Protein backbone atom coordinates (compact mmCIF):
# COMPACT_ATOMS: atom_id res chain seq x y z
CA MET A 1 19.24 -144.19 49.62
CA LYS A 2 16.87 -142.41 47.55
CA PRO A 3 13.74 -140.92 48.70
CA SER A 4 11.47 -142.49 46.24
CA GLU A 5 12.59 -145.91 48.08
CA LEU A 6 11.61 -144.59 51.04
CA ARG A 7 8.37 -143.36 49.95
CA ALA A 8 7.53 -146.98 49.06
CA LYS A 9 8.16 -148.15 52.57
CA ASP A 10 5.43 -148.63 55.17
CA MET A 11 5.83 -146.76 58.49
CA ALA A 12 6.97 -149.92 60.40
CA GLN A 13 9.92 -150.35 57.86
CA LEU A 14 10.67 -146.75 58.08
CA ASN A 15 10.96 -146.91 61.77
CA GLN A 16 13.32 -149.79 61.41
CA GLU A 17 15.38 -148.15 59.12
CA LEU A 18 15.70 -144.99 61.28
CA THR A 19 16.66 -147.25 64.13
CA ASP A 20 19.39 -149.14 62.07
CA LEU A 21 20.68 -145.82 60.68
CA LEU A 22 20.86 -144.41 64.33
CA LYS A 23 22.71 -147.32 65.29
CA ALA A 24 25.08 -147.13 62.50
CA GLN A 25 25.46 -143.36 63.18
CA PHE A 26 26.50 -144.25 66.83
CA SER A 27 28.99 -146.71 65.45
CA LEU A 28 30.55 -144.40 63.06
CA ARG A 29 30.83 -141.81 65.97
CA MET A 30 32.52 -144.39 68.21
CA GLN A 31 35.02 -145.12 65.51
CA VAL A 32 35.66 -141.41 65.00
CA ALA A 33 36.49 -141.17 68.84
CA THR A 34 39.00 -144.03 68.72
CA GLN A 35 40.39 -142.90 65.36
CA GLN A 36 39.41 -145.98 63.71
CA LEU A 37 37.47 -144.48 60.89
CA THR A 38 39.20 -143.79 57.59
CA ASN A 39 36.38 -142.70 55.29
CA ASN A 40 35.11 -139.54 57.34
CA SER A 41 32.31 -139.10 54.60
CA GLN A 42 30.41 -142.15 55.97
CA LEU A 43 29.18 -140.08 58.77
CA LYS A 44 27.68 -137.36 56.83
CA LYS A 45 26.15 -139.86 54.64
CA THR A 46 24.49 -141.36 57.46
CA ARG A 47 23.43 -138.20 59.02
CA ARG A 48 21.78 -137.37 55.76
CA ASP A 49 19.91 -140.41 55.46
CA ILE A 50 18.54 -140.29 58.86
CA ALA A 51 17.21 -136.77 58.12
CA ARG A 52 15.58 -138.07 54.70
CA VAL A 53 14.01 -140.86 56.72
CA ARG A 54 12.64 -138.48 59.35
CA THR A 55 11.40 -136.20 56.72
CA ILE A 56 9.47 -139.00 54.98
CA ILE A 57 8.20 -140.15 58.34
CA ALA A 58 6.72 -136.71 58.96
CA GLN A 59 5.21 -136.21 55.55
CA LYS A 60 3.34 -139.65 56.14
CA VAL A 61 2.13 -138.64 59.37
CA ALA A 62 0.96 -135.28 58.12
CA ASP A 63 -0.89 -136.74 55.32
CA SER A 64 -2.74 -139.35 57.40
């Protein structure tokens, strides 16, 4: 997910995106715990996407 795509979204969409990513991260963590996850890089990508969304949200809050 590109930061430019995130900046185009409004706060409600960003919050929804963050919720979806957090659910995905939880699911991936459970897959790691049960040794069902074959592609471990997905967890890292999800964590970085969460950080991107949180950064954009913080920037939008600071601007308003």
